């Protein structure tokens, strides 16, 4: 099985990652020298603790709702909305309700 999804096919992103009770699931969609694209699902109450990344990252919420803190400032992001987390700035995610997201990270 390939580490990423087949190129040249139509993808229904929200349907490609399932929820896991009490957990977080990730599936890599695409990875190359420019960056990577990853699908995530978070059960309600799950999240990622504060951290930084050396490149900009865009979150697109595919389902549900998350609180995303950037440099300590909270942002509620819902299905159909996106937010860009700048490189080298602390950010964290928390599932207000279960949610799915597409994370796109681009190396600068």
N, C-alpha and C. Protein backbone atom coordinates (compact mmCIF):
# COMPACT_ATOMS: atom_id res chain seq x y z
N UNK A 1 0.85 -1.20 0.00
CA UNK A 1 0.00 0.00 0.00
C UNK A 1 0.88 1.24 0.00
N UNK A 2 0.52 2.21 -0.78
CA UNK A 2 1.28 3.46 -0.90
C UNK A 2 1.18 4.30 0.37
N UNK A 3 2.26 5.05 0.65
CA UNK A 3 2.26 5.93 1.83
C UNK A 3 1.35 7.13 1.61
N UNK A 4 1.10 7.48 0.35
CA UNK A 4 0.22 8.60 0.05
C UNK A 4 -0.88 8.10 -0.90
N UNK A 5 -1.81 8.99 -1.22
CA UNK A 5 -2.92 8.60 -2.09
C UNK A 5 -2.52 8.70 -3.55
N UNK A 6 -3.18 7.92 -4.39
CA UNK A 6 -2.86 7.89 -5.81
C UNK A 6 -3.14 9.24 -6.47
N UNK A 7 -2.19 9.68 -7.25
CA UNK A 7 -2.34 10.94 -7.98
C UNK A 7 -3.28 10.72 -9.16
N UNK A 8 -3.97 11.79 -9.57
CA UNK A 8 -4.86 11.71 -10.71
C UNK A 8 -6.21 11.09 -10.41
N UNK A 9 -6.54 10.98 -9.12
CA UNK A 9 -7.85 10.45 -8.75
C UNK A 9 -8.60 11.50 -7.93
N UNK A 10 -9.92 11.44 -7.97
CA UNK A 10 -10.75 12.35 -7.21
C UNK A 10 -10.80 11.86 -5.77
N UNK A 11 -10.54 12.77 -4.82
CA UNK A 11 -10.52 12.43 -3.41
C UNK A 11 -11.63 13.16 -2.67
N UNK A 12 -12.38 12.44 -1.87
CA UNK A 12 -13.36 13.04 -0.97
C UNK A 12 -12.69 13.07 0.40
N UNK A 13 -12.00 14.16 0.69
CA UNK A 13 -11.08 14.22 1.82
C UNK A 13 -11.71 13.85 3.16
N UNK A 14 -12.86 14.39 3.49
CA UNK A 14 -13.47 14.13 4.79
C UNK A 14 -13.82 12.66 4.96
N UNK A 15 -14.02 11.94 3.87
CA UNK A 15 -14.37 10.53 3.95
C UNK A 15 -13.14 9.62 3.99
N UNK A 16 -11.96 10.17 3.80
CA UNK A 16 -10.75 9.36 3.75
C UNK A 16 -10.09 9.15 5.11
N UNK A 17 -10.60 9.82 6.14
CA UNK A 17 -10.07 9.63 7.48
C UNK A 17 -11.24 9.44 8.44
N UNK A 18 -11.17 8.38 9.25
CA UNK A 18 -12.23 8.08 10.20
C UNK A 18 -11.91 8.65 11.57
N UNK A 19 -12.93 8.80 12.39
CA UNK A 19 -12.73 9.19 13.78
C UNK A 19 -12.34 7.95 14.59
N UNK A 20 -11.55 8.17 15.63
CA UNK A 20 -11.18 7.11 16.56
C UNK A 20 -11.58 7.58 17.96
N UNK A 21 -12.40 6.81 18.64
CA UNK A 21 -12.87 7.18 19.98
C UNK A 21 -11.68 7.48 20.89
N UNK A 22 -11.66 8.71 21.42
CA UNK A 22 -10.60 9.11 22.34
C UNK A 22 -9.25 9.32 21.70
N UNK A 23 -9.21 9.43 20.37
CA UNK A 23 -7.92 9.50 19.71
C UNK A 23 -7.80 10.50 18.58
N UNK A 24 -6.64 10.45 17.97
CA UNK A 24 -6.28 11.28 16.83
C UNK A 24 -5.79 10.35 15.73
N UNK A 25 -6.26 10.58 14.50
CA UNK A 25 -5.84 9.77 13.35
C UNK A 25 -5.23 10.71 12.32
N UNK A 26 -4.12 10.29 11.70
CA UNK A 26 -3.54 11.08 10.62
C UNK A 26 -3.23 10.18 9.43
N UNK A 27 -3.41 10.74 8.23
CA UNK A 27 -3.11 10.03 6.99
C UNK A 27 -2.41 11.02 6.05
N UNK A 28 -1.25 10.66 5.62
CA UNK A 28 -0.50 11.52 4.71
C UNK A 28 -1.10 11.42 3.31
N UNK A 29 -1.40 12.59 2.72
CA UNK A 29 -1.98 12.64 1.38
C UNK A 29 -0.87 12.79 0.35
N UNK A 30 0.08 13.67 0.62
CA UNK A 30 1.15 13.97 -0.33
C UNK A 30 2.36 14.48 0.42
N UNK A 31 3.55 14.06 -0.01
CA UNK A 31 4.78 14.55 0.61
C UNK A 31 5.86 14.64 -0.46
N UNK A 32 6.54 15.79 -0.49
CA UNK A 32 7.70 15.95 -1.36
C UNK A 32 8.62 17.01 -0.76
N UNK A 33 9.64 17.40 -1.50
CA UNK A 33 10.63 18.33 -0.96
C UNK A 33 10.05 19.71 -0.62
N UNK A 34 8.91 20.06 -1.18
CA UNK A 34 8.30 21.38 -0.92
C UNK A 34 7.47 21.39 0.36
N UNK A 35 7.06 20.22 0.86
CA UNK A 35 6.24 20.16 2.06
C UNK A 35 5.38 18.93 2.06
N UNK A 36 4.30 18.98 2.84
CA UNK A 36 3.41 17.83 2.88
C UNK A 36 1.98 18.24 3.19
N UNK A 37 1.06 17.34 2.85
CA UNK A 37 -0.37 17.53 3.08
C UNK A 37 -0.85 16.31 3.84
N UNK A 38 -1.52 16.54 4.98
CA UNK A 38 -1.94 15.45 5.85
C UNK A 38 -3.37 15.64 6.30
N UNK A 39 -4.15 14.57 6.29
CA UNK A 39 -5.50 14.56 6.84
C UNK A 39 -5.43 14.16 8.31
N UNK A 40 -6.23 14.80 9.15
CA UNK A 40 -6.31 14.46 10.56
C UNK A 40 -7.77 14.36 10.98
N UNK A 41 -8.04 13.50 11.95
CA UNK A 41 -9.31 13.53 12.68
C UNK A 41 -8.99 13.52 14.17
N UNK A 42 -9.76 14.30 14.92
CA UNK A 42 -9.60 14.42 16.36
C UNK A 42 -10.93 14.15 17.02
N UNK A 43 -10.96 13.26 18.00
CA UNK A 43 -12.18 13.08 18.78
C UNK A 43 -12.34 14.29 19.69
N UNK A 44 -13.57 14.56 20.11
CA UNK A 44 -13.84 15.69 21.00
C UNK A 44 -12.92 15.61 22.22
N UNK A 45 -12.30 16.75 22.55
CA UNK A 45 -11.42 16.83 23.71
C UNK A 45 -9.97 16.50 23.41
N UNK A 46 -9.68 16.00 22.21
CA UNK A 46 -8.31 15.68 21.83
C UNK A 46 -7.64 16.90 21.21
N UNK A 47 -6.35 16.86 21.05
CA UNK A 47 -5.67 17.99 20.42
C UNK A 47 -4.18 17.77 20.29
N UNK A 48 -3.50 18.83 19.94
CA UNK A 48 -2.05 18.86 19.86
C UNK A 48 -1.57 19.97 20.78
N UNK A 49 -0.63 19.66 21.65
CA UNK A 49 -0.13 20.66 22.59
C UNK A 49 0.70 21.72 21.86
N UNK A 50 0.98 22.81 22.55
CA UNK A 50 1.69 23.94 21.95
C UNK A 50 3.05 23.49 21.41
N UNK A 51 3.32 23.90 20.18
CA UNK A 51 4.59 23.57 19.52
C UNK A 51 4.83 24.59 18.41
N UNK A 52 6.00 24.52 17.80
CA UNK A 52 6.30 25.36 16.64
C UNK A 52 6.69 24.46 15.48
N UNK A 53 6.67 25.04 14.29
CA UNK A 53 7.12 24.34 13.09
C UNK A 53 7.95 25.34 12.28
N UNK A 54 8.94 24.86 11.55
CA UNK A 54 9.82 25.76 10.81
C UNK A 54 9.26 26.25 9.48
N UNK A 55 7.96 26.00 9.23
CA UNK A 55 7.34 26.44 7.99
C UNK A 55 5.88 26.79 8.22
N UNK A 56 5.32 27.61 7.33
CA UNK A 56 3.91 27.99 7.42
C UNK A 56 3.04 26.75 7.25
N UNK A 57 1.89 26.76 7.94
CA UNK A 57 0.96 25.63 7.85
C UNK A 57 -0.46 26.15 7.78
N UNK A 58 -1.23 25.62 6.82
CA UNK A 58 -2.61 26.03 6.68
C UNK A 58 -3.52 24.88 7.10
N UNK A 59 -4.47 25.19 7.98
CA UNK A 59 -5.47 24.23 8.43
C UNK A 59 -6.78 24.54 7.72
N UNK A 60 -7.38 23.52 7.09
CA UNK A 60 -8.70 23.62 6.50
C UNK A 60 -9.59 22.64 7.26
N UNK A 61 -10.60 23.15 7.96
CA UNK A 61 -11.49 22.28 8.73
C UNK A 61 -12.53 21.67 7.79
N UNK A 62 -12.54 20.35 7.73
CA UNK A 62 -13.43 19.62 6.83
C UNK A 62 -14.73 19.21 7.51
N UNK A 63 -14.69 19.10 8.85
CA UNK A 63 -15.86 18.67 9.62
C UNK A 63 -15.64 19.12 11.06
N UNK A 64 -16.71 19.53 11.73
CA UNK A 64 -16.64 19.85 13.15
C UNK A 64 -16.08 21.23 13.46
N UNK A 65 -15.46 21.35 14.64
CA UNK A 65 -14.99 22.65 15.12
C UNK A 65 -13.77 22.46 16.03
N UNK A 66 -12.80 23.36 15.86
CA UNK A 66 -11.58 23.31 16.66
C UNK A 66 -11.24 24.69 17.19
N UNK A 67 -10.56 24.71 18.33
CA UNK A 67 -9.94 25.93 18.81
C UNK A 67 -8.46 25.82 18.47
N UNK A 68 -7.98 26.79 17.71
CA UNK A 68 -6.57 26.81 17.33
C UNK A 68 -5.96 28.06 17.93
N UNK A 69 -4.96 27.85 18.77
CA UNK A 69 -4.27 28.97 19.39
C UNK A 69 -2.99 29.25 18.62
N UNK A 70 -2.82 30.51 18.26
CA UNK A 70 -1.60 30.94 17.59
C UNK A 70 -0.99 32.03 18.46
N UNK A 71 0.21 31.75 18.96
CA UNK A 71 0.89 32.68 19.87
C UNK A 71 0.00 33.02 21.07
N UNK A 72 -0.76 32.02 21.55
CA UNK A 72 -1.62 32.18 22.72
C UNK A 72 -3.00 32.73 22.43
N UNK A 73 -3.24 33.22 21.23
CA UNK A 73 -4.55 33.80 20.88
C UNK A 73 -5.47 32.72 20.31
N UNK A 74 -6.63 32.48 20.95
CA UNK A 74 -7.54 31.42 20.46
C UNK A 74 -8.38 31.87 19.26
N UNK A 75 -8.59 30.92 18.36
CA UNK A 75 -9.43 31.13 17.17
C UNK A 75 -10.34 29.92 17.04
N UNK A 76 -11.66 30.13 16.96
CA UNK A 76 -12.57 29.03 16.69
C UNK A 76 -12.68 28.88 15.18
N UNK A 77 -12.40 27.69 14.69
CA UNK A 77 -12.42 27.42 13.25
C UNK A 77 -13.38 26.27 13.02
N UNK A 78 -14.36 26.51 12.12
CA UNK A 78 -15.43 25.54 11.87
C UNK A 78 -15.34 24.98 10.46
N UNK A 79 -16.17 23.95 10.23
CA UNK A 79 -16.23 23.33 8.91
C UNK A 79 -16.32 24.38 7.82
N UNK A 80 -15.47 24.24 6.82
CA UNK A 80 -15.46 25.17 5.69
C UNK A 80 -14.55 26.36 5.89
N UNK A 81 -13.97 26.51 7.09
CA UNK A 81 -13.08 27.64 7.37
C UNK A 81 -11.63 27.16 7.43
N UNK A 82 -10.72 28.12 7.26
CA UNK A 82 -9.28 27.84 7.27
C UNK A 82 -8.55 28.89 8.07
N UNK A 83 -7.33 28.54 8.50
CA UNK A 83 -6.46 29.48 9.18
C UNK A 83 -5.02 29.10 8.86
N UNK A 84 -4.16 30.12 8.74
CA UNK A 84 -2.75 29.89 8.47
C UNK A 84 -1.96 30.11 9.76
N UNK A 85 -1.17 29.12 10.12
CA UNK A 85 -0.31 29.21 11.29
C UNK A 85 1.09 29.55 10.79
N UNK A 86 1.63 30.72 11.20
CA UNK A 86 2.93 31.14 10.68
C UNK A 86 4.09 30.30 11.22
N UNK A 87 5.12 30.20 10.43
CA UNK A 87 6.33 29.48 10.80
C UNK A 87 6.93 30.05 12.08
N UNK A 88 7.48 29.16 12.91
CA UNK A 88 8.24 29.52 14.11
C UNK A 88 7.42 30.26 15.18
N UNK A 89 6.09 30.20 15.09
CA UNK A 89 5.21 30.80 16.10
C UNK A 89 4.48 29.64 16.80
N UNK A 90 4.40 29.70 18.12
CA UNK A 90 3.75 28.63 18.88
C UNK A 90 2.27 28.52 18.51
N UNK A 91 1.83 27.29 18.30
CA UNK A 91 0.42 27.04 18.01
C UNK A 91 0.01 25.72 18.65
N UNK A 92 -1.31 25.59 18.89
CA UNK A 92 -1.88 24.39 19.50
C UNK A 92 -3.29 24.20 18.95
N UNK A 93 -3.78 22.96 18.99
CA UNK A 93 -5.12 22.66 18.51
C UNK A 93 -5.88 21.90 19.59
N UNK A 94 -7.19 22.17 19.68
CA UNK A 94 -8.06 21.47 20.63
C UNK A 94 -9.41 21.25 19.96
N UNK A 95 -9.90 20.02 20.02
CA UNK A 95 -11.19 19.67 19.42
C UNK A 95 -12.34 20.08 20.34
N UNK A 96 -12.99 21.20 20.02
CA UNK A 96 -14.17 21.65 20.75
C UNK A 96 -15.28 20.62 20.59
N UNK A 97 -15.40 20.10 19.37
CA UNK A 97 -16.20 18.92 19.06
C UNK A 97 -15.33 18.11 18.11
N UNK A 98 -15.69 16.88 17.86
CA UNK A 98 -14.82 16.11 16.97
C UNK A 98 -14.70 16.85 15.64
N UNK A 99 -13.48 16.81 15.09
CA UNK A 99 -13.28 17.52 13.84
C UNK A 99 -12.24 16.83 12.97
N UNK A 100 -12.34 17.14 11.67
CA UNK A 100 -11.37 16.66 10.69
C UNK A 100 -10.76 17.87 10.01
N UNK A 101 -9.47 17.75 9.70
CA UNK A 101 -8.80 18.87 9.04
C UNK A 101 -7.82 18.36 8.01
N UNK A 102 -7.53 19.22 7.06
CA UNK A 102 -6.47 19.01 6.10
C UNK A 102 -5.38 20.00 6.45
N UNK A 103 -4.18 19.50 6.72
CA UNK A 103 -3.05 20.35 7.09
C UNK A 103 -2.08 20.38 5.93
N UNK A 104 -1.79 21.59 5.44
CA UNK A 104 -0.84 21.78 4.35
C UNK A 104 0.35 22.54 4.88
N UNK A 105 1.53 21.94 4.84
CA UNK A 105 2.75 22.58 5.32
C UNK A 105 3.68 22.81 4.13
N UNK A 106 4.12 24.06 4.01
CA UNK A 106 4.97 24.45 2.90
C UNK A 106 6.32 24.92 3.45
N UNK A 107 7.37 24.31 2.96
CA UNK A 107 8.70 24.72 3.40
C UNK A 107 9.10 26.01 2.69
N UNK A 108 9.69 26.93 3.45
CA UNK A 108 10.07 28.22 2.89
C UNK A 108 11.47 28.25 2.36
